[in-house]
Protein backbone atom coordinates (compact mmCIF):
# COMPACT_ATOMS: atom_id res chain seq x y z
CA GLU A 1 -40.71 235.90 -44.91
CA TYR A 2 -42.08 239.20 -46.23
CA SER A 3 -44.66 240.88 -44.04
CA PRO A 4 -46.06 244.24 -45.17
CA GLU A 5 -46.64 245.38 -41.59
CA LEU A 6 -42.98 244.95 -40.69
CA VAL A 7 -41.45 246.97 -43.51
CA ALA A 8 -39.15 249.62 -42.06
CA THR A 9 -37.39 252.45 -43.85
CA PRO A 10 -33.61 251.77 -43.87
CA PRO A 11 -31.68 253.85 -41.27
CA GLU A 12 -29.70 255.73 -43.92
CA ILE A 13 -32.95 256.98 -45.48
CA VAL A 14 -34.38 257.91 -42.06
CA ALA A 15 -31.24 260.01 -41.54
CA LEU A 16 -31.76 261.69 -44.93
CA ILE A 17 -35.40 262.48 -44.12
CA VAL A 18 -34.35 264.07 -40.82
CA ASP A 19 -31.65 266.07 -42.60
CA ILE A 20 -33.95 267.29 -45.39
CA CYS A 21 -36.72 268.30 -42.98
CA THR A 22 -34.22 270.12 -40.75
CA LYS A 23 -32.73 272.06 -43.67
CA LEU A 24 -36.20 272.97 -44.96
CA HIS A 25 -37.28 274.03 -41.42
CA LEU A 26 -40.22 271.62 -41.49
CA SER A 27 -42.09 270.60 -38.35
CA VAL A 28 -41.41 267.37 -36.47
CA HIS A 29 -44.91 266.25 -37.47
CA ILE A 30 -43.84 266.41 -41.13
CA GLU A 31 -40.54 264.69 -40.35
CA PHE A 32 -42.04 261.64 -38.62
CA SER A 33 -45.00 261.49 -41.01
CA CYS A 34 -42.48 261.29 -43.88
CA ILE A 35 -40.74 258.34 -42.21
CA ASP A 36 -44.01 256.46 -41.62
CA THR A 37 -45.22 257.22 -45.15
CA TYR A 38 -41.90 256.03 -46.59
CA ASP A 39 -42.45 252.73 -44.73
CA LEU A 40 -45.81 252.44 -46.49
CA TYR A 41 -44.30 253.41 -49.86
CA PHE A 42 -41.62 250.73 -49.52
CA CYS A 43 -44.36 248.17 -48.78
CA CYS A 44 -46.64 249.29 -51.64
CA ASN A 45 -43.72 249.35 -54.06
CA PHE A 46 -42.85 245.77 -53.13
CA GLU A 47 -46.43 244.64 -53.70
CA HIS A 48 -46.37 246.44 -57.06
CA MET A 49 -43.23 244.47 -57.99
CA GLN A 50 -44.89 241.20 -56.94
CA LYS A 51 -47.76 241.85 -59.36
CA ARG A 52 -45.31 242.67 -62.13
CA TRP A 53 -43.37 239.44 -61.50
CA THR A 54 -46.60 237.42 -61.55
CA MET A 55 -47.38 238.91 -64.96
CA ILE A 56 -43.89 238.01 -66.20
CA GLU A 57 -44.38 234.42 -65.01
CA SER A 58 -47.77 234.13 -66.69
CA ARG A 59 -46.16 235.09 -70.00
CA GLY A 60 -43.54 232.39 -69.59
CA GLN A 61 -40.74 234.90 -69.15
CA VAL A 62 -37.90 234.48 -66.68
CA LYS A 63 -38.80 235.79 -63.24
CA PRO A 64 -36.20 238.03 -61.56
CA GLU A 65 -34.55 236.79 -58.38
CA PHE A 66 -37.13 237.02 -55.60
CA GLY A 67 -36.18 238.46 -52.25
CA TRP A 68 -35.64 241.58 -50.22
CA ILE A 69 -32.05 242.07 -51.48
CA PHE A 70 -33.27 242.40 -55.08
CA VAL A 71 -36.19 244.60 -54.03
CA LYS A 72 -33.98 246.98 -52.06
CA GLN A 73 -31.47 247.26 -54.90
CA GLU A 74 -34.13 248.16 -57.44
CA PHE A 75 -36.10 250.33 -55.04
CA LEU A 76 -33.13 252.28 -53.67
CA ALA A 77 -31.72 252.94 -57.15
CA SER A 78 -34.04 255.95 -57.42
CA TYR A 79 -34.51 256.66 -53.71
CA GLU A 80 -33.29 260.28 -53.92
CA SER A 81 -36.00 261.40 -56.32
CA ASN A 82 -38.62 259.28 -54.53
CA LEU A 83 -37.64 260.73 -51.16
CA LEU A 84 -37.72 264.32 -52.36
CA CYS A 85 -41.17 263.83 -53.89
CA LEU A 86 -42.49 262.13 -50.78
CA VAL A 87 -41.33 264.97 -48.51
CA SER A 88 -42.99 267.40 -50.91
CA LEU A 89 -46.25 265.42 -50.86
CA VAL A 90 -46.44 265.14 -47.07
CA THR A 91 -45.63 268.84 -46.68
CA LYS A 92 -48.41 269.87 -49.08
CA ILE A 93 -50.99 267.64 -47.41
CA PHE A 94 -50.27 268.23 -43.71
CA ASP A 95 -48.57 271.62 -43.46
CA VAL A 96 -48.58 274.00 -46.41
CA HIS A 97 -45.10 275.51 -46.50
CA PRO A 98 -44.56 277.69 -49.64
CA GLU A 99 -40.86 278.33 -49.02
CA ALA A 100 -40.16 274.61 -48.57
CA SER A 101 -42.14 273.79 -51.73
CA ASP A 102 -40.10 276.31 -53.74
CA THR A 103 -36.84 274.84 -52.41
CA VAL A 104 -37.93 271.29 -53.25
CA GLU A 105 -38.88 272.41 -56.76
CA LYS A 106 -35.42 273.95 -57.26
CA LEU A 107 -33.71 270.80 -55.94
CA TRP A 108 -35.82 268.68 -58.28
CA ARG A 109 -34.74 270.69 -61.32
CA LYS A 110 -31.08 270.26 -60.36
CA MET A 111 -31.45 266.53 -59.70
CA ARG A 112 -30.49 264.12 -62.43
CA ASN A 113 -33.57 262.05 -63.21
CA PRO A 114 -32.76 258.33 -62.74
CA GLU A 115 -34.96 257.35 -65.68
CA GLY A 116 -33.14 259.83 -67.92
CA ILE A 117 -36.46 261.44 -68.83
CA ALA A 118 -37.58 265.02 -68.33
CA ILE A 119 -40.33 264.62 -65.75
CA THR A 120 -41.97 267.28 -63.59
CA LEU A 121 -42.11 267.11 -59.81
CA ALA A 122 -45.92 267.14 -59.94
CA HIS A 123 -45.92 264.16 -62.32
CA LYS A 124 -43.60 262.19 -60.04
CA GLU A 125 -45.70 263.09 -56.98
CA LEU A 126 -48.81 261.75 -58.72
CA GLU A 127 -46.95 258.55 -59.62
CA ILE A 128 -45.92 258.01 -55.98
CA LEU A 129 -49.41 258.88 -54.70
CA LYS A 130 -50.86 256.19 -56.98
CA ILE A 131 -48.42 253.60 -55.61
CA LEU A 132 -49.47 254.67 -52.09
CA HIS A 133 -53.15 254.22 -53.11
CA GLY A 134 -53.70 257.81 -52.02
CA LYS A 135 -52.66 257.12 -48.42
CA ILE A 136 -50.32 259.43 -46.50
CA ARG A 137 -49.56 258.43 -42.92
CA LYS A 138 -49.67 260.78 -39.96
CA SER A 139 -47.17 260.06 -37.21
CA GLN A 140 -49.19 258.15 -34.63
CA ALA A 141 -46.12 257.78 -32.42
CA LEU A 142 -45.60 261.55 -32.17
CA GLU A 143 -49.32 262.19 -31.66
CA SER A 144 -49.32 259.60 -28.85
CA ILE A 145 -46.35 261.32 -27.22
CA GLU A 146 -48.22 264.64 -27.26
CA VAL A 147 -51.36 263.08 -25.74
CA PHE A 148 -49.40 261.29 -23.00
CA LEU A 149 -47.56 264.53 -22.20
CA LEU A 150 -50.81 266.43 -21.81
CA MET A 151 -52.75 263.75 -19.92
CA CYS A 152 -50.04 261.97 -17.92
CA VAL A 153 -46.85 264.03 -17.64
CA GLN A 154 -48.20 267.54 -17.11
CA PRO A 155 -50.41 266.65 -14.10
CA ILE A 156 -47.51 265.06 -12.17
CA TRP A 157 -44.55 267.11 -13.44
CA PRO A 158 -45.76 270.40 -14.97
CA SER A 159 -42.48 272.30 -14.62
CA ARG A 160 -40.57 269.98 -16.96
CA THR A 161 -43.22 269.01 -19.53
CA GLU A 162 -41.51 270.98 -22.32
CA ASP A 163 -38.17 269.38 -21.45
CA VAL A 164 -39.70 265.92 -21.64
CA LEU A 165 -41.25 266.74 -25.05
CA PHE A 166 -37.96 268.07 -26.42
CA PHE A 167 -36.05 265.04 -25.20
CA SER A 168 -38.76 262.60 -26.35
CA ILE A 169 -38.44 263.91 -29.92
CA LYS A 170 -34.69 263.26 -29.81
CA ILE A 171 -35.30 259.74 -28.55
CA LEU A 172 -38.01 259.07 -31.15
CA ARG A 173 -35.49 259.86 -33.88
CA ILE A 174 -33.07 257.40 -32.29
CA VAL A 175 -35.81 254.74 -32.24
CA TYR A 176 -36.53 255.17 -35.96
CA LEU A 177 -32.81 254.99 -36.72
CA ASN A 178 -32.36 251.80 -34.67
CA ARG A 179 -35.61 249.85 -34.97
CA GLN A 180 -34.01 246.45 -35.54
CA ARG A 181 -31.51 246.89 -32.71
CA ILE A 182 -34.30 247.90 -30.33
CA TYR A 183 -37.00 245.39 -31.25
CA ASN A 184 -35.04 242.24 -32.18
CA PRO A 185 -33.87 241.48 -28.59
CA LEU A 186 -37.55 241.37 -27.56
CA LYS A 187 -38.52 238.75 -30.14
CA PRO A 188 -37.69 235.71 -27.93
CA VAL A 189 -39.88 237.16 -25.16
CA LEU A 190 -42.90 237.33 -27.47
CA LYS A 191 -42.82 233.74 -28.66
CA LEU A 192 -45.72 233.95 -31.10
CA ALA A 193 -44.96 235.68 -34.40
CA ASN A 194 -48.33 237.46 -34.38
CA ASP A 195 -47.66 238.84 -30.89
CA PHE A 196 -44.29 240.21 -31.97
CA GLN A 197 -45.73 241.73 -35.13
CA ALA A 198 -48.45 243.51 -33.14
CA PHE A 199 -45.87 244.66 -30.59
CA GLN A 200 -43.48 245.95 -33.25
CA THR A 201 -46.11 247.91 -35.19
CA ASP A 202 -47.89 249.47 -32.18
CA LYS A 203 -47.06 253.18 -32.46
CA VAL A 204 -48.98 254.06 -29.28
CA LEU A 205 -46.75 251.62 -27.40
CA MET A 206 -43.74 253.23 -29.06
CA GLY A 207 -44.88 256.68 -27.92
CA ALA A 208 -45.46 255.58 -24.32
CA SER A 209 -42.09 253.81 -24.19
CA VAL A 210 -40.30 256.86 -25.61
CA ILE A 211 -41.78 259.12 -22.92
CA LEU A 212 -40.90 256.68 -20.14
CA SER A 213 -37.36 256.47 -21.55
CA ALA A 214 -37.08 260.27 -21.60
CA VAL A 215 -38.16 260.51 -17.97
CA LYS A 216 -35.73 257.75 -16.96
CA LEU A 217 -32.78 259.34 -18.75
CA LEU A 218 -33.60 262.74 -17.29
CA ASN A 219 -33.07 261.13 -13.86
CA ILE A 220 -36.54 261.76 -12.47
CA SER A 221 -37.54 260.09 -9.21
CA SER A 222 -38.68 256.47 -9.35
CA HIS A 223 -41.96 257.59 -7.76
CA ILE A 224 -42.75 259.83 -10.76
CA GLU A 225 -41.67 257.09 -13.18
CA ASP A 226 -44.02 254.59 -11.56
CA ASN A 227 -46.98 256.99 -11.54
CA LEU A 228 -46.35 257.92 -15.17
CA LEU A 229 -46.08 254.30 -16.27
CA ARG A 230 -49.37 253.30 -14.65
CA SER A 231 -51.13 256.44 -15.87
CA MET A 232 -50.10 255.82 -19.51
CA ALA A 233 -51.04 252.13 -19.30
CA LYS A 234 -54.48 252.98 -17.94
CA LEU A 235 -55.12 255.70 -20.53
CA SER A 236 -54.09 253.55 -23.50
CA ASN A 237 -54.98 250.01 -22.32
CA LEU A 238 -51.35 249.03 -22.88
CA LYS A 239 -49.66 246.46 -20.67
CA VAL A 240 -47.22 247.84 -18.09
CA LYS A 241 -44.77 245.02 -18.87
CA ASP A 242 -44.79 245.89 -22.61
CA ILE A 243 -44.05 249.57 -22.01
CA THR A 244 -41.32 248.65 -19.52
CA ALA A 245 -39.70 246.06 -21.81
CA LEU A 246 -39.60 248.35 -24.85
CA SER A 247 -38.44 251.32 -22.77
CA LYS A 248 -35.54 249.27 -21.41
CA GLU A 249 -34.23 248.57 -24.93
CA ILE A 250 -34.81 252.18 -26.01
CA CYS A 251 -32.91 253.49 -22.98
CA TYR A 252 -29.96 251.23 -23.74
CA ILE A 253 -29.64 252.41 -27.36
CA ALA A 254 -30.43 256.07 -26.57
CA LYS A 255 -27.90 256.25 -23.74
CA SER A 256 -25.24 254.71 -25.97
CA THR A 257 -26.09 257.19 -28.74
CA PHE A 258 -25.87 260.22 -26.46
CA GLU A 259 -22.57 259.01 -25.00
CA ASN A 260 -21.10 258.81 -28.51
CA THR A 261 -22.25 262.28 -29.59
CA THR A 262 -21.69 265.80 -28.36
CA GLU A 263 -25.32 266.10 -27.23
CA ASN A 264 -26.12 266.15 -23.54
CA ILE A 265 -29.07 264.35 -22.04
CA ASP A 266 -30.16 267.31 -19.93
């Protein structure tokens, strides 16, 4: 069943966002804010389609096939132009970057418009902003990581704080690329649907679990791991067992990813 809180950007689009932001030399805050905002855009676009289908039904017209497969097909048909506009929007709102804006404008002019109509980038941005109801998401997961680093990691392990941050960002990308693989195994543990939904959408929990995973994979002492875990749980009112459970799944996927790439953990 459709749940707006559980809409997740498909992995292939997450990879494109990462690639675009890297090539445009945009900050990690922009990168992860784009992913979270794309989640919201996917959700808002679906709700927009629902209203349109209701109108079709009320007129006695045939309603299109209902379901996520149909939605994804229609939505992803113009994902390239939508994605480019969304990156442009987030960049303008959170981190003015003239060079990136110029590059996006040039790419837009070269791109074949899916509607076959001459439309400006600004016009398309306004269209997307209306669908988003004017909301652009900041990356709460990344902000949580930065707070936990400052308040919990630095006091107990100051010499490697920058290393933990660098590695946490790598792991956060892996989490966004593998959300279903990471969260689905935990569904049986959280028997109530509402509990799982809250667990899956908690970005502070995600941030804490990413940091714990980074520390584990960097082979820090178990004493530091334990102190960090309890410190983050106390600061955020998260449950130790929730951070531990999510971190375990993240570590499994992250370790597998690093083993299959040329990147080193250290």
